[in-house]
Amino acid sequence: METFLQIAPHSLAIVLSRVETGEAAGAAGVSESDELPRHHTGYDIFADFKAENTQQRVWNQRITDAMSETFFLGWIDEHVLLIQGKEDHLEVLRDGWMRRYLNPPRGFTIKYLGSTTKKIGCQVRPHDLHSY
């Protein structure tokens, strides 16, 4: 039986992984001005996540609209961004991630998302993008 971390209803847990500085420096087209940001709080990471998916994804109005209606709920264990919003907005973000339209905050990759249900709230399972 899988273990779950029950969090909050109408929330989405975004499990992140930091991009190693060496990986970013070795990537083609990365300059000194493109250095990874140093986030100070979970809210800073949320703000960057929101900016990455509203400013750069103007062509995908559904993601832009969904991101504008989400709120910062918390930052757990230095790798889990917890956001809250209406279920239909969270579903747009889940769909965007599965289709690889959802951008992570700068300096991170998205490992996987928590899934929500009305009865038990948000559960984080060890599934990555390739599991879907």
N, C-alpha and C. Protein backbone atom coordinates (compact mmCIF):
# COMPACT_ATOMS: atom_id res chain seq x y z
N MET A 1 0.83 -1.17 0.00
CA MET A 1 0.00 0.00 0.00
C MET A 1 0.88 1.25 0.00
N GLU A 2 0.51 2.25 -0.84
CA GLU A 2 1.29 3.48 -0.93
C GLU A 2 1.03 4.37 0.29
N THR A 3 2.05 5.14 0.67
CA THR A 3 1.88 6.10 1.75
C THR A 3 1.55 7.46 1.15
N PHE A 4 0.65 8.17 1.80
CA PHE A 4 0.22 9.47 1.32
C PHE A 4 0.46 10.52 2.39
N LEU A 5 0.67 11.73 1.95
CA LEU A 5 0.76 12.86 2.85
C LEU A 5 -0.49 13.69 2.62
N GLN A 6 -1.44 13.64 3.57
CA GLN A 6 -2.68 14.39 3.42
C GLN A 6 -2.42 15.83 3.79
N ILE A 7 -2.84 16.76 2.93
CA ILE A 7 -2.53 18.16 3.17
C ILE A 7 -3.80 18.98 3.34
N ALA A 8 -4.37 19.53 2.28
CA ALA A 8 -5.53 20.41 2.41
C ALA A 8 -6.42 20.26 1.18
N PRO A 9 -7.72 20.42 1.36
CA PRO A 9 -8.61 20.35 0.20
C PRO A 9 -8.40 21.56 -0.71
N HIS A 10 -8.69 21.36 -1.98
CA HIS A 10 -8.56 22.41 -3.00
C HIS A 10 -7.15 22.98 -3.04
N SER A 11 -6.18 22.10 -2.91
CA SER A 11 -4.79 22.53 -2.97
C SER A 11 -4.03 21.61 -3.90
N LEU A 12 -2.89 22.11 -4.31
CA LEU A 12 -2.03 21.36 -5.20
C LEU A 12 -0.62 21.44 -4.65
N ALA A 13 -0.01 20.29 -4.44
CA ALA A 13 1.36 20.24 -3.96
C ALA A 13 2.26 20.05 -5.18
N ILE A 14 3.18 20.98 -5.37
CA ILE A 14 4.11 20.92 -6.49
C ILE A 14 5.47 20.57 -5.91
N VAL A 15 5.92 19.36 -6.17
CA VAL A 15 7.19 18.88 -5.63
C VAL A 15 8.29 19.30 -6.59
N LEU A 16 9.22 20.08 -6.07
CA LEU A 16 10.28 20.67 -6.88
C LEU A 16 11.62 20.04 -6.57
N SER A 17 12.52 20.22 -7.50
CA SER A 17 13.90 19.79 -7.31
C SER A 17 14.77 20.93 -7.81
N ARG A 18 15.77 21.31 -7.02
CA ARG A 18 16.67 22.39 -7.45
C ARG A 18 17.51 21.95 -8.63
N VAL A 19 17.70 22.85 -9.56
CA VAL A 19 18.61 22.61 -10.68
C VAL A 19 20.01 22.87 -10.16
N GLU A 20 20.89 21.93 -10.38
CA GLU A 20 22.27 22.10 -9.93
C GLU A 20 22.93 23.23 -10.70
N THR A 21 23.74 24.02 -10.02
CA THR A 21 24.40 25.16 -10.65
C THR A 21 25.26 24.71 -11.83
N GLY A 22 25.94 23.59 -11.70
CA GLY A 22 26.77 23.07 -12.78
C GLY A 22 25.94 22.70 -14.01
N GLU A 23 24.72 22.17 -13.80
CA GLU A 23 23.85 21.83 -14.92
C GLU A 23 23.44 23.07 -15.67
N ALA A 24 23.09 24.12 -14.94
CA ALA A 24 22.64 25.35 -15.59
C ALA A 24 23.80 26.03 -16.30
N ALA A 25 24.98 26.01 -15.69
CA ALA A 25 26.12 26.67 -16.30
C ALA A 25 26.56 25.95 -17.57
N GLY A 26 26.37 24.62 -17.60
CA GLY A 26 26.76 23.86 -18.76
C GLY A 26 25.73 23.87 -19.87
N ALA A 27 24.55 24.38 -19.59
CA ALA A 27 23.49 24.40 -20.60
C ALA A 27 23.79 25.42 -21.68
N ALA A 28 23.45 25.08 -22.89
CA ALA A 28 23.69 25.98 -24.02
C ALA A 28 22.85 27.24 -23.86
N GLY A 29 23.49 28.38 -24.11
CA GLY A 29 22.75 29.63 -24.11
C GLY A 29 22.58 30.27 -22.74
N VAL A 30 23.17 29.70 -21.70
CA VAL A 30 23.05 30.29 -20.37
C VAL A 30 24.20 31.27 -20.18
N SER A 31 23.88 32.51 -19.89
CA SER A 31 24.90 33.52 -19.67
C SER A 31 24.92 33.91 -18.20
N GLU A 32 25.87 34.79 -17.85
CA GLU A 32 25.95 35.23 -16.46
C GLU A 32 24.67 35.92 -16.02
N SER A 33 24.00 36.63 -16.94
CA SER A 33 22.78 37.33 -16.57
C SER A 33 21.62 36.36 -16.36
N ASP A 34 21.78 35.12 -16.81
CA ASP A 34 20.73 34.10 -16.65
C ASP A 34 20.97 33.22 -15.42
N GLU A 35 21.82 33.66 -14.50
CA GLU A 35 22.11 32.84 -13.33
C GLU A 35 20.83 32.52 -12.59
N LEU A 36 20.85 31.39 -11.91
CA LEU A 36 19.68 30.96 -11.15
C LEU A 36 19.44 31.92 -10.00
N PRO A 37 18.18 32.27 -9.75
CA PRO A 37 17.89 33.18 -8.65
C PRO A 37 18.07 32.48 -7.30
N ARG A 38 18.35 33.26 -6.30
CA ARG A 38 18.42 32.74 -4.94
C ARG A 38 17.13 33.15 -4.25
N HIS A 39 16.26 32.18 -4.05
CA HIS A 39 14.99 32.45 -3.39
C HIS A 39 15.20 32.50 -1.88
N HIS A 40 14.48 33.40 -1.25
CA HIS A 40 14.63 33.53 0.19
C HIS A 40 13.48 32.91 0.96
N THR A 41 12.30 32.88 0.37
CA THR A 41 11.14 32.31 1.06
C THR A 41 10.32 31.49 0.07
N GLY A 42 9.43 30.68 0.62
CA GLY A 42 8.51 29.93 -0.23
C GLY A 42 7.65 30.85 -1.06
N TYR A 43 7.28 32.00 -0.48
CA TYR A 43 6.45 32.94 -1.24
C TYR A 43 7.21 33.48 -2.45
N ASP A 44 8.52 33.70 -2.32
CA ASP A 44 9.33 34.15 -3.46
C ASP A 44 9.29 33.10 -4.58
N ILE A 45 9.36 31.85 -4.20
CA ILE A 45 9.32 30.77 -5.18
C ILE A 45 7.95 30.73 -5.85
N PHE A 46 6.89 30.89 -5.06
CA PHE A 46 5.55 30.95 -5.62
C PHE A 46 5.40 32.12 -6.59
N ALA A 47 5.90 33.29 -6.20
CA ALA A 47 5.80 34.48 -7.07
C ALA A 47 6.54 34.24 -8.38
N ASP A 48 7.69 33.59 -8.32
CA ASP A 48 8.44 33.30 -9.54
C ASP A 48 7.70 32.27 -10.39
N PHE A 49 7.12 31.26 -9.75
CA PHE A 49 6.34 30.25 -10.45
C PHE A 49 5.16 30.89 -11.17
N LYS A 50 4.48 31.79 -10.48
CA LYS A 50 3.34 32.49 -11.06
C LYS A 50 3.79 33.35 -12.24
N ALA A 51 4.89 34.06 -12.08
CA ALA A 51 5.41 34.91 -13.17
C ALA A 51 5.82 34.08 -14.38
N GLU A 52 6.46 32.95 -14.14
CA GLU A 52 6.90 32.08 -15.24
C GLU A 52 5.72 31.56 -16.06
N ASN A 53 4.57 31.42 -15.43
CA ASN A 53 3.43 30.84 -16.13
C ASN A 53 2.37 31.85 -16.52
N THR A 54 2.57 33.11 -16.23
CA THR A 54 1.64 34.13 -16.71
C THR A 54 2.29 35.03 -17.74
N GLN A 55 3.53 35.39 -17.55
CA GLN A 55 4.21 36.28 -18.48
C GLN A 55 4.70 35.55 -19.72
N GLN A 56 5.23 34.36 -19.56
CA GLN A 56 5.82 33.65 -20.69
C GLN A 56 4.83 32.77 -21.42
N ARG A 57 3.70 32.53 -20.86
CA ARG A 57 2.74 31.62 -21.49
C ARG A 57 1.46 32.36 -21.88
N VAL A 58 1.63 33.56 -22.40
CA VAL A 58 0.47 34.37 -22.78
C VAL A 58 -0.37 33.64 -23.81
N TRP A 59 0.26 32.84 -24.66
CA TRP A 59 -0.46 32.13 -25.71
C TRP A 59 -1.39 31.06 -25.14
N ASN A 60 -1.15 30.62 -23.91
CA ASN A 60 -2.03 29.63 -23.30
C ASN A 60 -2.87 30.33 -22.23
N GLN A 61 -3.97 30.90 -22.65
CA GLN A 61 -4.81 31.70 -21.79
C GLN A 61 -5.37 30.92 -20.61
N ARG A 62 -5.61 29.63 -20.79
CA ARG A 62 -6.14 28.81 -19.70
C ARG A 62 -5.17 28.75 -18.52
N ILE A 63 -3.88 28.54 -18.81
CA ILE A 63 -2.88 28.49 -17.74
C ILE A 63 -2.72 29.86 -17.11
N THR A 64 -2.69 30.90 -17.93
CA THR A 64 -2.58 32.26 -17.41
C THR A 64 -3.73 32.58 -16.47
N ASP A 65 -4.96 32.26 -16.89
CA ASP A 65 -6.13 32.52 -16.05
C ASP A 65 -6.09 31.69 -14.76
N ALA A 66 -5.73 30.42 -14.88
CA ALA A 66 -5.68 29.55 -13.70
C ALA A 66 -4.63 30.04 -12.71
N MET A 67 -3.45 30.43 -13.21
CA MET A 67 -2.39 30.92 -12.33
C MET A 67 -2.80 32.19 -11.62
N SER A 68 -3.53 33.06 -12.30
CA SER A 68 -3.93 34.32 -11.67
C SER A 68 -4.93 34.11 -10.54
N GLU A 69 -5.57 32.94 -10.51
CA GLU A 69 -6.58 32.64 -9.49
C GLU A 69 -6.07 31.70 -8.40
N THR A 70 -4.77 31.42 -8.38
CA THR A 70 -4.22 30.55 -7.34
C THR A 70 -3.54 31.40 -6.27
N PHE A 71 -3.41 30.82 -5.09
CA PHE A 71 -2.85 31.54 -3.95
C PHE A 71 -1.79 30.68 -3.27
N PHE A 72 -0.82 31.34 -2.68
CA PHE A 72 0.23 30.68 -1.92
C PHE A 72 -0.35 30.13 -0.63
N LEU A 73 -0.15 28.86 -0.38
CA LEU A 73 -0.64 28.24 0.84
C LEU A 73 0.51 27.86 1.77
N GLY A 74 1.64 27.45 1.19
CA GLY A 74 2.76 27.11 2.05
C GLY A 74 3.95 26.57 1.29
N TRP A 75 5.02 26.41 2.01
CA TRP A 75 6.28 25.87 1.50
C TRP A 75 6.72 24.83 2.50
N ILE A 76 6.72 23.57 2.07
CA ILE A 76 6.95 22.45 2.97
C ILE A 76 8.28 21.78 2.66
N ASP A 77 9.07 21.57 3.70
CA ASP A 77 10.29 20.76 3.61
C ASP A 77 11.23 21.23 2.51
N GLU A 78 11.24 22.49 2.21
CA GLU A 78 12.15 23.12 1.26
C GLU A 78 12.06 22.58 -0.17
N HIS A 79 11.08 21.77 -0.48
CA HIS A 79 10.94 21.28 -1.85
C HIS A 79 9.51 21.19 -2.33
N VAL A 80 8.54 21.48 -1.48
CA VAL A 80 7.14 21.34 -1.86
C VAL A 80 6.44 22.68 -1.77
N LEU A 81 5.98 23.15 -2.92
CA LEU A 81 5.20 24.38 -2.99
C LEU A 81 3.73 24.01 -2.93
N LEU A 82 3.02 24.56 -1.98
CA LEU A 82 1.61 24.25 -1.81
C LEU A 82 0.80 25.47 -2.23
N ILE A 83 -0.07 25.27 -3.24
CA ILE A 83 -0.91 26.36 -3.72
C ILE A 83 -2.38 25.97 -3.57
N GLN A 84 -3.24 26.96 -3.56
CA GLN A 84 -4.66 26.70 -3.37
C GLN A 84 -5.45 27.50 -4.39
N GLY A 85 -6.59 26.95 -4.80
CA GLY A 85 -7.46 27.61 -5.75
C GLY A 85 -8.68 26.77 -6.01
N LYS A 86 -9.51 27.25 -6.92
CA LYS A 86 -10.69 26.48 -7.30
C LYS A 86 -10.25 25.21 -8.01
N GLU A 87 -11.05 24.17 -7.84
CA GLU A 87 -10.68 22.86 -8.40
C GLU A 87 -10.48 22.91 -9.92
N ASP A 88 -11.31 23.68 -10.64
CA ASP A 88 -11.15 23.74 -12.10
C ASP A 88 -9.84 24.43 -12.48
N HIS A 89 -9.38 25.40 -11.70
CA HIS A 89 -8.09 26.04 -11.99
C HIS A 89 -6.94 25.07 -11.71
N LEU A 90 -7.05 24.32 -10.63
CA LEU A 90 -6.01 23.34 -10.32
C LEU A 90 -5.94 22.25 -11.39
N GLU A 91 -7.09 21.88 -11.92
CA GLU A 91 -7.13 20.87 -12.98
C GLU A 91 -6.42 21.38 -14.24
N VAL A 92 -6.58 22.66 -14.55
CA VAL A 92 -5.88 23.26 -15.70
C VAL A 92 -4.37 23.16 -15.49
N LEU A 93 -3.91 23.42 -14.27
CA LEU A 93 -2.48 23.35 -13.98
C LEU A 93 -1.97 21.91 -14.07
N ARG A 94 -2.75 20.95 -13.57
CA ARG A 94 -2.37 19.53 -13.69
C ARG A 94 -2.24 19.14 -15.15
N ASP A 95 -3.24 19.53 -15.93
CA ASP A 95 -3.24 19.22 -17.36
C ASP A 95 -2.06 19.89 -18.05
N GLY A 96 -1.79 21.14 -17.70
CA GLY A 96 -0.65 21.85 -18.28
C GLY A 96 0.67 21.18 -17.97
N TRP A 97 0.79 20.64 -16.76
CA TRP A 97 2.03 19.94 -16.39
C TRP A 97 2.17 18.64 -17.18
N MET A 98 1.08 17.89 -17.30
CA MET A 98 1.15 16.63 -18.03
C MET A 98 1.47 16.87 -19.51
N ARG A 99 1.04 17.99 -20.05
CA ARG A 99 1.32 18.32 -21.45
C ARG A 99 2.62 19.10 -21.62
N ARG A 100 3.33 19.29 -20.52
CA ARG A 100 4.61 20.01 -20.49
C ARG A 100 4.48 21.48 -20.87
N TYR A 101 3.36 22.08 -20.53
CA TYR A 101 3.15 23.51 -20.75
C TYR A 101 3.46 24.32 -19.50
N LEU A 102 3.48 23.69 -18.36
CA LEU A 102 3.65 24.38 -17.09
C LEU A 102 5.14 24.55 -16.80
N ASN A 103 5.56 25.79 -16.60
CA ASN A 103 6.97 26.07 -16.29
C ASN A 103 7.22 26.03 -14.80
N PRO A 104 8.36 25.49 -14.39
CA PRO A 104 8.72 25.52 -12.97
C PRO A 104 9.25 26.92 -12.61
N PRO A 105 9.38 27.22 -11.33
CA PRO A 105 10.06 28.46 -10.96
C PRO A 105 11.51 28.39 -11.43
N ARG A 106 12.11 29.53 -11.70
CA ARG A 106 13.51 29.53 -12.14
C ARG A 106 14.38 28.87 -11.08
N GLY A 107 15.29 28.02 -11.54
CA GLY A 107 16.19 27.33 -10.62
C GLY A 107 15.68 26.00 -10.13
N PHE A 108 14.50 25.59 -10.60
CA PHE A 108 13.88 24.33 -10.17
C PHE A 108 13.36 23.55 -11.37
N THR A 109 13.11 22.27 -11.13
CA THR A 109 12.33 21.45 -12.05
C THR A 109 11.14 20.92 -11.23
N ILE A 110 10.07 20.59 -11.93
CA ILE A 110 8.92 20.00 -11.25
C ILE A 110 9.07 18.49 -11.32
N LYS A 111 9.18 17.84 -10.17
CA LYS A 111 9.30 16.38 -10.13
C LYS A 111 7.94 15.74 -10.34
N TYR A 112 6.95 16.17 -9.58
CA TYR A 112 5.59 15.68 -9.72
C TYR A 112 4.64 16.58 -8.97
N LEU A 113 3.36 16.36 -9.20
CA LEU A 113 2.31 17.13 -8.54
C LEU A 113 1.52 16.23 -7.62
N GLY A 114 0.99 16.80 -6.55
CA GLY A 114 0.08 16.08 -5.68
C GLY A 114 -1.29 16.04 -6.33
N SER A 115 -2.05 15.02 -6.06
CA SER A 115 -3.39 14.92 -6.62
C SER A 115 -4.41 15.20 -5.52
N THR A 116 -5.52 15.80 -5.88
CA THR A 116 -6.52 16.15 -4.88
C THR A 116 -7.82 15.40 -5.12
N THR A 117 -8.51 15.18 -4.04
CA THR A 117 -9.86 14.67 -4.11
C THR A 117 -10.68 15.44 -3.09
N LYS A 118 -11.97 15.51 -3.30
CA LYS A 118 -12.82 16.27 -2.39
C LYS A 118 -12.86 15.65 -1.00
N LYS A 119 -12.78 14.32 -0.91
CA LYS A 119 -12.93 13.65 0.38
C LYS A 119 -11.70 13.72 1.25
N ILE A 120 -10.51 13.55 0.64
CA ILE A 120 -9.32 13.44 1.48
C ILE A 120 -8.29 14.53 1.25
N GLY A 121 -8.55 15.49 0.40
CA GLY A 121 -7.62 16.60 0.22
C GLY A 121 -6.49 16.25 -0.73
N CYS A 122 -5.36 16.81 -0.49
CA CYS A 122 -4.21 16.67 -1.39
C CYS A 122 -3.33 15.53 -0.92
N GLN A 123 -2.93 14.69 -1.85
CA GLN A 123 -2.03 13.59 -1.55
C GLN A 123 -0.83 13.68 -2.47
N VAL A 124 0.32 13.46 -1.91
CA VAL A 124 1.54 13.47 -2.71
C VAL A 124 2.00 12.04 -2.86
N ARG A 125 2.13 11.61 -4.11
CA ARG A 125 2.58 10.26 -4.39
C ARG A 125 3.85 10.33 -5.22
N PRO A 126 4.72 9.36 -5.12
CA PRO A 126 5.95 9.38 -5.88
C PRO A 126 5.76 8.98 -7.33
N HIS A 127 5.03 9.82 -8.08
CA HIS A 127 4.85 9.61 -9.51
C HIS A 127 5.54 10.74 -10.23
N ASP A 128 6.22 10.43 -11.31
CA ASP A 128 6.80 11.50 -12.10
C ASP A 128 5.99 11.64 -13.38
N LEU A 129 6.40 12.54 -14.24
CA LEU A 129 5.67 12.85 -15.46
C LEU A 129 5.49 11.60 -16.32
N HIS A 130 6.46 10.73 -16.32
CA HIS A 130 6.40 9.55 -17.18
C HIS A 130 5.43 8.48 -16.66
N SER A 131 4.94 8.65 -15.44
CA SER A 131 4.02 7.67 -14.87
C SER A 131 2.60 7.85 -15.38
N TYR A 132 2.30 9.02 -15.94
CA TYR A 132 0.94 9.29 -16.38
C TYR A 132 0.68 8.84 -17.78
